[in-house]
Amino acid sequence: MILNKFRRDSVFFKLRAVCLQLLALSLFSCNKTANINGNKAFVALTHVAYGVGPLNLFFPNSGDSLLPAGISFGNTSGIAGNPYDTATSQISDMQLKGDTLFLTGNANFQQGTRYSIFAYDSMDAKSIALLILQDNLTTPRDTLVNFRFMNFSPGSEIGLRFIYKHDTTIFFQDTTGLDSVHIAVRDTVDISPSLFVGYNPNPASYKFNYTAHIGANQVFAFMDTSFRKLDSLQFDSTKSYNIYLQGYFNPTPPQESLKIISVRLN
C-alpha cells in the first residue's frame, strides 16, 4: 500500500533563533528516520475466488490500495520470498474490490506483523469471503521447511502425501578394496484429509504445524482410497510456505483439475 505522505510547512524564525531552529530540525529529522517503518504492517493477498476477475484491497479512510493493481485468480502478491506489501498498522476500514465491491469491513493490523489474506469462494461470487492469517514464522532445522496447508477445493475433503526422493551412493574402503552401498531415501509426510476452507474458516485451524524435507517433493492428493499425482514442489532450506489446493479432484472440464500451489514467505 502507498502510505500517506506528510508535507512539512516552512517556518522562518527570526535571526536570533536560527541556532535553535537548526537544532530542532536536526532532532526531528533523526526521529523521523528512526520511526519511518514504525507504523507499518506487512500484508500478502492470494486470489482463490473462482470465476472472479482481478482483486485488490482498498482502505477508504486513506484512499489507498494494498497493491498498485489487482491480482488474478491463482496468484499471490509480491515475489517469491516476499509476497508482502505494506499497510498502515491501525484499525481502519478495508474493502475487497474487483469489478465491483465484494466485501467491506474493518482491518486491525498490528505494527511489524505479517499477514496472509486469502480471498476465496465456492464458485459463486456471492459467497466470496476472506481468510486472514497472521504469519508467525519460525526457523526450522536446516534440512526442513515449515508450512501451513489450506484446501480451497470447494466441497471436497482432501489429504496430501509428500514424498522426498533422494538416492545416495556411499563409497568405502575395506579389506577387499573399494566398495559402495546404494541407499534409497523415501521421506514421506502425510496430511490428513482437510475440509474446504469455506466449511472451516477459523484462522486458528491453519498454523505452521507441518514440516517437509528440503529439495524436490512429489505430491499426491487423496480422497478416501483414490490418489491423484500432482506437481512436484521444490522447498528451500529453513524457509516457510503457504501451501494450498485449488481446482477439483474430479474436474469437468479438465483445465479445472486439482493443483497444488506453494507460496514462499521468507
C-alpha atoms as a PDB file:
ATOM      1  CA  MET A   1       0.000   0.000   0.000  1.00  0.00           C
ATOM      2  CA  ILE A   2       1.215   3.542  -0.728  1.00  0.00           C
ATOM      3  CA  LEU A   3       1.179   5.312   2.588  1.00  0.00           C
ATOM      4  CA  ASN A   4       0.043   8.892   3.044  1.00  0.00           C
ATOM      5  CA  LYS A   5       2.870  11.350   2.636  1.00  0.00           C
ATOM      6  CA  PHE A   6       3.059  14.269   5.007  1.00  0.00           C
ATOM      7  CA  ARG A   7       4.401  17.623   3.954  1.00  0.00           C
ATOM      8  CA  ARG A   8       6.029  19.884   6.463  1.00  0.00           C
ATOM      9  CA  ASP A   9       5.154  23.585   6.296  1.00  0.00           C
ATOM     10  CA  SER A  10       8.077  26.031   6.017  1.00  0.00           C
ATOM     11  CA  VAL A  11       8.625  28.199   9.126  1.00  0.00           C
ATOM     12  CA  PHE A  12      11.027  31.142   9.297  1.00  0.00           C
ATOM     13  CA  PHE A  13      12.283  32.295  12.615  1.00  0.00           C
ATOM     14  CA  LYS A  14      13.979  35.500  13.451  1.00  0.00           C
ATOM     15  CA  LEU A  15      17.721  35.605  13.086  1.00  0.00           C
ATOM     16  CA  ARG A  16      18.266  35.299  16.822  1.00  0.00           C
ATOM     17  CA  ALA A  17      16.538  31.866  16.786  1.00  0.00           C
ATOM     18  CA  VAL A  18      18.410  30.308  13.868  1.00  0.00           C
ATOM     19  CA  CYS A  19      20.587  28.116  16.037  1.00  0.00           C
ATOM     20  CA  LEU A  20      17.595  26.764  17.949  1.00  0.00           C
ATOM     21  CA  GLN A  21      15.776  26.124  14.679  1.00  0.00           C
ATOM     22  CA  LEU A  22      18.670  24.121  13.237  1.00  0.00           C
ATOM     23  CA  LEU A  23      18.911  22.064  16.413  1.00  0.00           C
ATOM     24  CA  ALA A  24      15.167  21.315  16.409  1.00  0.00           C
ATOM     25  CA  LEU A  25      15.167  20.344  12.729  1.00  0.00           C
ATOM     26  CA  SER A  26      18.149  18.073  13.287  1.00  0.00           C
ATOM     27  CA  LEU A  27      16.455  16.271  16.160  1.00  0.00           C
ATOM     28  CA  PHE A  28      13.181  15.996  14.229  1.00  0.00           C
ATOM     29  CA  SER A  29      14.944  14.571  11.201  1.00  0.00           C
ATOM     30  CA  CYS A  30      16.678  11.889  13.266  1.00  0.00           C
ATOM     31  CA  ASN A  31      13.434  10.913  14.986  1.00  0.00           C
ATOM     32  CA  LYS A  32      11.549  10.765  11.685  1.00  0.00           C
ATOM     33  CA  THR A  33      14.188   8.499  10.141  1.00  0.00           C
ATOM     34  CA  ALA A  34      14.252   6.202  13.141  1.00  0.00           C
ATOM     35  CA  ASN A  35      10.472   5.696  13.019  1.00  0.00           C
ATOM     36  CA  ILE A  36       9.914   5.664   9.255  1.00  0.00           C
ATOM     37  CA  ASN A  37       8.795   1.998   9.413  1.00  0.00           C
ATOM     38  CA  GLY A  38       7.145   2.324  12.808  1.00  0.00           C
ATOM     39  CA  ASN A  39       3.517   2.308  11.631  1.00  0.00           C
ATOM     40  CA  LYS A  40       3.664  -0.492   9.049  1.00  0.00           C
ATOM     41  CA  ALA A  41       2.231  -3.980   8.862  1.00  0.00           C
ATOM     42  CA  PHE A  42       3.001  -6.394   6.020  1.00  0.00           C
ATOM     43  CA  VAL A  43       0.150  -7.979   4.062  1.00  0.00           C
ATOM     44  CA  ALA A  44       0.098 -10.629   1.308  1.00  0.00           C
ATOM     45  CA  LEU A  45      -3.043 -11.213  -0.793  1.00  0.00           C
ATOM     46  CA  THR A  46      -3.854 -14.522  -2.549  1.00  0.00           C
ATOM     47  CA  HIS A  47      -6.742 -14.841  -5.038  1.00  0.00           C
ATOM     48  CA  VAL A  48      -8.611 -18.192  -4.938  1.00  0.00           C
ATOM     49  CA  ALA A  49     -12.123 -16.917  -5.715  1.00  0.00           C
ATOM     50  CA  TYR A  50     -13.327 -18.949  -8.709  1.00  0.00           C
ATOM     51  CA  GLY A  51     -14.796 -17.086 -11.660  1.00  0.00           C
ATOM     52  CA  VAL A  52     -13.901 -13.665 -10.223  1.00  0.00           C
ATOM     53  CA  GLY A  53     -11.648 -11.185 -12.018  1.00  0.00           C
ATOM     54  CA  PRO A  54      -8.614  -9.390 -10.526  1.00  0.00           C
ATOM     55  CA  LEU A  55      -8.924  -8.415  -6.852  1.00  0.00           C
ATOM     56  CA  ASN A  56      -7.331  -5.801  -4.626  1.00  0.00           C
ATOM     57  CA  LEU A  57      -7.727  -4.491  -1.087  1.00  0.00           C
ATOM     58  CA  PHE A  58      -8.676  -0.850  -0.543  1.00  0.00           C
ATOM     59  CA  PHE A  59      -8.604   1.341   2.560  1.00  0.00           C
ATOM     60  CA  PRO A  60     -11.247   4.098   2.231  1.00  0.00           C
ATOM     61  CA  ASN A  61     -10.018   6.091   5.239  1.00  0.00           C
ATOM     62  CA  SER A  62      -6.747   6.853   3.492  1.00  0.00           C
ATOM     63  CA  GLY A  63      -7.846   6.374  -0.119  1.00  0.00           C
ATOM     64  CA  ASP A  64      -5.045   3.837  -0.657  1.00  0.00           C
ATOM     65  CA  SER A  65      -4.926   0.314  -2.075  1.00  0.00           C
ATOM     66  CA  LEU A  66      -2.723  -2.559  -0.938  1.00  0.00           C
ATOM     67  CA  LEU A  67      -1.379  -3.224  -4.450  1.00  0.00           C
ATOM     68  CA  PRO A  68      -0.759  -0.996  -7.495  1.00  0.00           C
ATOM     69  CA  ALA A  69      -3.109  -3.277  -9.485  1.00  0.00           C
ATOM     70  CA  GLY A  70      -5.397  -6.211  -8.751  1.00  0.00           C
ATOM     71  CA  ILE A  71      -4.158  -9.810  -8.961  1.00  0.00           C
ATOM     72  CA  SER A  72      -5.871 -12.553 -10.970  1.00  0.00           C
ATOM     73  CA  PHE A  73      -7.133 -15.981  -9.864  1.00  0.00           C
ATOM     74  CA  GLY A  74      -4.464 -18.381  -8.605  1.00  0.00           C
ATOM     75  CA  ASN A  75      -1.895 -15.649  -7.921  1.00  0.00           C
ATOM     76  CA  THR A  76      -0.323 -14.076  -4.847  1.00  0.00           C
ATOM     77  CA  SER A  77       1.015 -10.562  -4.437  1.00  0.00           C
ATOM     78  CA  GLY A  78       4.731  -9.770  -4.313  1.00  0.00           C
ATOM     79  CA  ILE A  79       7.576 -12.084  -5.283  1.00  0.00           C
ATOM     80  CA  ALA A  80       8.984 -15.421  -4.104  1.00  0.00           C
ATOM     81  CA  GLY A  81      10.256 -14.959  -0.571  1.00  0.00           C
ATOM     82  CA  ASN A  82       8.470 -11.608  -0.140  1.00  0.00           C
ATOM     83  CA  PRO A  83       4.775 -11.681  -1.045  1.00  0.00           C
ATOM     84  CA  TYR A  84       4.008  -8.735   1.247  1.00  0.00           C
ATOM     85  CA  ASP A  85       3.100  -5.128   0.623  1.00  0.00           C
ATOM     86  CA  THR A  86       2.702  -2.546   3.377  1.00  0.00           C
ATOM     87  CA  ALA A  87      -0.424  -1.378   5.159  1.00  0.00           C
ATOM     88  CA  THR A  88      -0.815   1.112   7.980  1.00  0.00           C
ATOM     89  CA  SER A  89      -0.832  -0.621  11.362  1.00  0.00           C
ATOM     90  CA  GLN A  90      -4.102   0.660  12.755  1.00  0.00           C
ATOM     91  CA  ILE A  91      -7.815  -0.125  12.883  1.00  0.00           C
ATOM     92  CA  SER A  92      -9.281   1.023   9.565  1.00  0.00           C
ATOM     93  CA  ASP A  93     -11.986   0.266   7.033  1.00  0.00           C
ATOM     94  CA  MET A  94     -10.993  -2.302   4.399  1.00  0.00           C
ATOM     95  CA  GLN A  95     -12.715  -3.279   1.155  1.00  0.00           C
ATOM     96  CA  LEU A  96     -12.234  -6.183  -1.251  1.00  0.00           C
ATOM     97  CA  LYS A  97     -12.822  -4.901  -4.773  1.00  0.00           C
ATOM     98  CA  GLY A  98     -12.750  -6.294  -8.272  1.00  0.00           C
ATOM     99  CA  ASP A  99     -15.105  -5.130 -10.992  1.00  0.00           C
ATOM    100  CA  THR A 100     -17.468  -4.412  -8.090  1.00  0.00           C
ATOM    101  CA  LEU A 101     -17.315  -4.012  -4.327  1.00  0.00           C
ATOM    102  CA  PHE A 102     -17.421  -7.528  -2.861  1.00  0.00           C
ATOM    103  CA  LEU A 103     -16.738  -7.049   0.846  1.00  0.00           C
ATOM    104  CA  THR A 104     -16.325  -4.249   3.342  1.00  0.00           C
ATOM    105  CA  GLY A 105     -15.301  -4.385   6.998  1.00  0.00           C
ATOM    106  CA  ASN A 106     -12.586  -3.434   9.475  1.00  0.00           C
ATOM    107  CA  ALA A 107      -8.912  -4.352   9.464  1.00  0.00           C
ATOM    108  CA  ASN A 108      -6.751  -4.289  12.579  1.00  0.00           C
ATOM    109  CA  PHE A 109      -3.133  -4.763  11.513  1.00  0.00           C
ATOM    110  CA  GLN A 110      -0.514  -4.820  14.253  1.00  0.00           C
ATOM    111  CA  GLN A 111       2.742  -2.961  13.849  1.00  0.00           C
ATOM    112  CA  GLY A 112       5.548  -5.010  12.281  1.00  0.00           C
ATOM    113  CA  THR A 113       3.334  -8.096  11.896  1.00  0.00           C
ATOM    114  CA  ARG A 114       2.965 -10.176   8.709  1.00  0.00           C
ATOM    115  CA  TYR A 115      -0.371 -11.396   7.384  1.00  0.00           C
ATOM    116  CA  SER A 116      -1.574 -13.719   4.631  1.00  0.00           C
ATOM    117  CA  ILE A 117      -5.062 -12.892   3.316  1.00  0.00           C
ATOM    118  CA  PHE A 118      -6.922 -15.338   1.055  1.00  0.00           C
ATOM    119  CA  ALA A 119      -9.928 -14.238  -0.997  1.00  0.00           C
ATOM    120  CA  TYR A 120     -11.957 -17.376  -1.788  1.00  0.00           C
ATOM    121  CA  ASP A 121     -15.446 -18.555  -2.756  1.00  0.00           C
ATOM    122  CA  SER A 122     -17.340 -21.719  -3.695  1.00  0.00           C
ATOM    123  CA  MET A 123     -17.939 -20.985  -7.406  1.00  0.00           C
ATOM    124  CA  ASP A 124     -20.405 -18.215  -6.548  1.00  0.00           C
ATOM    125  CA  ALA A 125     -19.241 -14.606  -6.267  1.00  0.00           C
ATOM    126  CA  LYS A 126     -21.954 -14.043  -3.662  1.00  0.00           C
ATOM    127  CA  SER A 127     -20.119 -16.477  -1.368  1.00  0.00           C
ATOM    128  CA  ILE A 128     -16.798 -14.624  -1.523  1.00  0.00           C
ATOM    129  CA  ALA A 129     -15.011 -14.333   1.837  1.00  0.00           C
ATOM    130  CA  LEU A 130     -11.625 -13.529   3.350  1.00  0.00           C
ATOM    131  CA  LEU A 131      -9.396 -15.768   5.447  1.00  0.00           C
ATOM    132  CA  ILE A 132      -6.927 -13.560   7.355  1.00  0.00           C
ATOM    133  CA  LEU A 133      -3.954 -15.369   8.891  1.00  0.00           C
ATOM    134  CA  GLN A 134      -1.097 -13.996  10.995  1.00  0.00           C
ATOM    135  CA  ASP A 135       2.280 -15.262   9.786  1.00  0.00           C
ATOM    136  CA  ASN A 136       4.286 -16.154  12.889  1.00  0.00           C
ATOM    137  CA  LEU A 137       7.347 -17.599  11.176  1.00  0.00           C
ATOM    138  CA  THR A 138       9.954 -19.732  12.939  1.00  0.00           C
ATOM    139  CA  THR A 139      13.198 -21.183  11.592  1.00  0.00           C
ATOM    140  CA  PRO A 140      13.185 -24.976  11.171  1.00  0.00           C
ATOM    141  CA  ARG A 141      16.241 -27.253  11.117  1.00  0.00           C
ATOM    142  CA  ASP A 142      18.452 -26.755   8.064  1.00  0.00           C
ATOM    143  CA  THR A 143      17.082 -29.904   6.378  1.00  0.00           C
ATOM    144  CA  LEU A 144      13.417 -28.961   6.811  1.00  0.00           C
ATOM    145  CA  VAL A 145      10.822 -26.359   5.884  1.00  0.00           C
ATOM    146  CA  ASN A 146       7.708 -25.261   7.768  1.00  0.00           C
ATOM    147  CA  PHE A 147       4.353 -24.916   6.065  1.00  0.00           C
ATOM    148  CA  ARG A 148       0.628 -24.498   6.622  1.00  0.00           C
ATOM    149  CA  PHE A 149      -1.921 -26.215   4.404  1.00  0.00           C
ATOM    150  CA  MET A 150      -5.306 -24.969   3.143  1.00  0.00           C
ATOM    151  CA  ASN A 151      -7.835 -26.740   0.938  1.00  0.00           C
ATOM    152  CA  PHE A 152      -9.580 -24.337  -1.453  1.00  0.00           C
ATOM    153  CA  SER A 153     -11.222 -27.110  -3.500  1.00  0.00           C
ATOM    154  CA  PRO A 154     -14.945 -26.363  -2.975  1.00  0.00           C
ATOM    155  CA  GLY A 155     -16.928 -29.131  -1.353  1.00  0.00           C
ATOM    156  CA  SER A 156     -14.044 -31.591  -1.136  1.00  0.00           C
ATOM    157  CA  GLU A 157     -12.224 -33.167   1.810  1.00  0.00           C
ATOM    158  CA  ILE A 158      -8.717 -33.894   0.528  1.00  0.00           C
ATOM    159  CA  GLY A 159      -5.465 -35.094   2.078  1.00  0.00           C
ATOM    160  CA  LEU A 160      -1.892 -34.828   0.823  1.00  0.00           C
ATOM    161  CA  ARG A 161       1.186 -37.046   0.728  1.00  0.00           C
ATOM    162  CA  PHE A 162       4.665 -35.548   0.221  1.00  0.00           C
ATOM    163  CA  ILE A 163       7.422 -37.939  -0.849  1.00  0.00           C
ATOM    164  CA  TYR A 164      11.021 -36.741  -0.781  1.00  0.00           C
ATOM    165  CA  LYS A 165      13.102 -38.974  -3.025  1.00  0.00           C
ATOM    166  CA  HIS A 166      16.853 -38.983  -2.738  1.00  0.00           C
ATOM    167  CA  ASP A 167      19.208 -41.764  -3.833  1.00  0.00           C
ATOM    168  CA  THR A 168      22.742 -41.794  -2.439  1.00  0.00           C
ATOM    169  CA  THR A 169      25.735 -43.966  -3.198  1.00  0.00           C
ATOM    170  CA  ILE A 170      28.314 -44.255  -0.399  1.00  0.00           C
ATOM    171  CA  PHE A 171      31.836 -45.444  -1.243  1.00  0.00           C
ATOM    172  CA  PHE A 172      34.025 -47.078   1.402  1.00  0.00           C
ATOM    173  CA  GLN A 173      37.302 -48.970   1.686  1.00  0.00           C
ATOM    174  CA  ASP A 174      37.515 -52.407   3.267  1.00  0.00           C
ATOM    175  CA  THR A 175      39.953 -55.348   3.157  1.00  0.00           C
ATOM    176  CA  THR A 176      38.769 -56.330  -0.313  1.00  0.00           C
ATOM    177  CA  GLY A 177      39.206 -52.860  -1.764  1.00  0.00           C
ATOM    178  CA  LEU A 178      36.842 -50.023  -2.739  1.00  0.00           C
ATOM    179  CA  ASP A 179      33.166 -50.880  -2.422  1.00  0.00           C
ATOM    180  CA  SER A 180      29.886 -48.984  -2.412  1.00  0.00           C
ATOM    181  CA  VAL A 181      26.403 -49.095  -0.929  1.00  0.00           C
ATOM    182  CA  HIS A 182      23.362 -47.608  -2.664  1.00  0.00           C
ATOM    183  CA  ILE A 183      20.817 -46.047  -0.273  1.00  0.00           C
ATOM    184  CA  ALA A 184      17.326 -45.014  -1.404  1.00  0.00           C
ATOM    185  CA  VAL A 185      15.722 -42.449   0.900  1.00  0.00           C
ATOM    186  CA  ARG A 186      11.942 -42.053   0.888  1.00  0.00           C
ATOM    187  CA  ASP A 187      10.909 -39.408   3.432  1.00  0.00           C
ATOM    188  CA  THR A 188       7.086 -39.324   3.491  1.00  0.00           C
ATOM    189  CA  VAL A 189       4.796 -36.731   5.072  1.00  0.00           C
ATOM    190  CA  ASP A 190       1.039 -37.360   5.218  1.00  0.00           C
ATOM    191  CA  ILE A 191      -1.582 -34.677   5.844  1.00  0.00           C
ATOM    192  CA  SER A 192      -4.962 -35.983   6.922  1.00  0.00           C
ATOM    193  CA  PRO A 193      -7.943 -35.066   4.713  1.00  0.00           C
ATOM    194  CA  SER A 194      -8.925 -31.437   5.275  1.00  0.00           C
ATOM    195  CA  LEU A 195     -12.252 -29.751   4.637  1.00  0.00           C
ATOM    196  CA  PHE A 196     -12.724 -26.954   2.131  1.00  0.00           C
ATOM    197  CA  VAL A 197     -11.763 -23.709   3.917  1.00  0.00           C
ATOM    198  CA  GLY A 198     -15.327 -22.421   3.469  1.00  0.00           C
ATOM    199  CA  TYR A 199     -16.524 -25.163   5.832  1.00  0.00           C
ATOM    200  CA  ASN A 200     -13.847 -24.296   8.383  1.00  0.00           C
ATOM    201  CA  PRO A 201     -12.912 -20.590   8.164  1.00  0.00           C
ATOM    202  CA  ASN A 202     -11.371 -20.482  11.649  1.00  0.00           C
ATOM    203  CA  PRO A 203      -7.862 -18.920  11.338  1.00  0.00           C
ATOM    204  CA  ALA A 204      -6.654 -20.984  14.326  1.00  0.00           C
ATOM    205  CA  SER A 205      -7.001 -24.111  12.167  1.00  0.00           C
ATOM    206  CA  TYR A 206      -4.240 -23.015   9.790  1.00  0.00           C
ATOM    207  CA  LYS A 207      -0.951 -22.965  11.662  1.00  0.00           C
ATOM    208  CA  PHE A 208       2.577 -23.761  10.529  1.00  0.00           C
ATOM    209  CA  ASN A 209       2.356 -27.235  12.021  1.00  0.00           C
ATOM    210  CA  TYR A 210       3.753 -29.261   9.106  1.00  0.00           C
ATOM    211  CA  THR A 211       7.343 -29.898   8.032  1.00  0.00           C
ATOM    212  CA  ALA A 212       8.844 -31.449   4.909  1.00  0.00           C
ATOM    213  CA  HIS A 213      12.327 -32.235   3.659  1.00  0.00           C
ATOM    214  CA  ILE A 214      14.122 -29.587   1.622  1.00  0.00           C
ATOM    215  CA  GLY A 215      14.517 -30.241  -2.090  1.00  0.00           C
ATOM    216  CA  ALA A 216      12.044 -31.740  -4.557  1.00  0.00           C
ATOM    217  CA  ASN A 217       8.963 -33.431  -3.098  1.00  0.00           C
ATOM    218  CA  GLN A 218       6.458 -35.321  -5.225  1.00  0.00           C
ATOM    219  CA  VAL A 219       2.916 -34.533  -4.062  1.00  0.00           C
ATOM    220  CA  PHE A 220      -0.120 -36.806  -4.177  1.00  0.00           C
ATOM    221  CA  ALA A 221      -3.680 -35.849  -3.237  1.00  0.00           C
ATOM    222  CA  PHE A 222      -6.102 -38.432  -1.919  1.00  0.00           C
ATOM    223  CA  MET A 223      -9.819 -38.790  -1.207  1.00  0.00           C
ATOM    224  CA  ASP A 224     -10.861 -41.998   0.543  1.00  0.00           C
ATOM    225  CA  THR A 225      -8.787 -44.636  -1.293  1.00  0.00           C
ATOM    226  CA  SER A 226      -8.282 -42.627  -4.508  1.00  0.00           C
ATOM    227  CA  PHE A 227      -4.889 -40.993  -5.154  1.00  0.00           C
ATOM    228  CA  ARG A 228      -4.017 -38.347  -7.728  1.00  0.00           C
ATOM    229  CA  LYS A 229      -0.469 -37.329  -8.641  1.00  0.00           C
ATOM    230  CA  LEU A 230       0.064 -33.569  -8.558  1.00  0.00           C
ATOM    231  CA  ASP A 231       3.112 -31.473  -9.419  1.00  0.00           C
ATOM    232  CA  SER A 232       6.379 -31.655  -7.509  1.00  0.00           C
ATOM    233  CA  LEU A 233       7.215 -28.849  -5.076  1.00  0.00           C
ATOM    234  CA  GLN A 234      10.743 -27.529  -4.559  1.00  0.00           C
ATOM    235  CA  PHE A 235      11.496 -26.422  -0.991  1.00  0.00           C
ATOM    236  CA  ASP A 236      14.402 -24.197   0.073  1.00  0.00           C
ATOM    237  CA  SER A 237      16.259 -24.756   3.324  1.00  0.00           C
ATOM    238  CA  THR A 238      14.867 -23.186   6.548  1.00  0.00           C
ATOM    239  CA  LYS A 239      12.013 -21.393   4.739  1.00  0.00           C
ATOM    240  CA  SER A 240       8.273 -21.212   5.475  1.00  0.00           C
ATOM    241  CA  TYR A 241       5.464 -21.680   2.969  1.00  0.00           C
ATOM    242  CA  ASN A 242       1.742 -21.326   2.426  1.00  0.00           C
ATOM    243  CA  ILE A 243       0.605 -24.435   0.531  1.00  0.00           C
ATOM    244  CA  TYR A 244      -2.906 -24.748  -0.843  1.00  0.00           C
ATOM    245  CA  LEU A 245      -5.111 -26.706  -3.227  1.00  0.00           C
ATOM    246  CA  GLN A 246      -7.265 -25.153  -5.928  1.00  0.00           C
ATOM    247  CA  GLY A 247      -9.406 -26.831  -8.562  1.00  0.00           C
ATOM    248  CA  TYR A 248     -11.232 -30.173  -8.376  1.00  0.00           C
ATOM    249  CA  PHE A 249     -10.279 -33.767  -7.674  1.00  0.00           C
ATOM    250  CA  ASN A 250     -12.666 -34.956 -10.417  1.00  0.00           C
ATOM    251  CA  PRO A 251     -12.640 -31.977 -12.801  1.00  0.00           C
ATOM    252  CA  THR A 252     -15.047 -31.068 -15.569  1.00  0.00           C
ATOM    253  CA  PRO A 253     -13.624 -29.546 -17.712  1.00  0.00           C
ATOM    254  CA  PRO A 254     -10.012 -30.838 -17.397  1.00  0.00           C
ATOM    255  CA  GLN A 255      -8.493 -27.354 -17.076  1.00  0.00           C
ATOM    256  CA  GLU A 256     -10.129 -27.143 -13.642  1.00  0.00           C
ATOM    257  CA  SER A 257      -8.063 -30.107 -12.443  1.00  0.00           C
ATOM    258  CA  LEU A 258      -6.670 -30.081  -8.919  1.00  0.00           C
ATOM    259  CA  LYS A 259      -3.453 -28.068  -8.445  1.00  0.00           C
ATOM    260  CA  ILE A 260      -1.003 -27.759  -5.575  1.00  0.00           C
ATOM    261  CA  ILE A 261       0.440 -24.256  -5.112  1.00  0.00           C
ATOM    262  CA  SER A 262       3.185 -23.092  -2.758  1.00  0.00           C
ATOM    263  CA  VAL A 263       3.997 -19.519  -1.724  1.00  0.00           C
ATOM    264  CA  ARG A 264       7.372 -18.942  -0.051  1.00  0.00           C
ATOM    265  CA  LEU A 265       7.041 -16.375   2.713  1.00  0.00           C
ATOM    266  CA  ASN A 266      10.676 -15.605   3.574  1.00  0.00           C
END
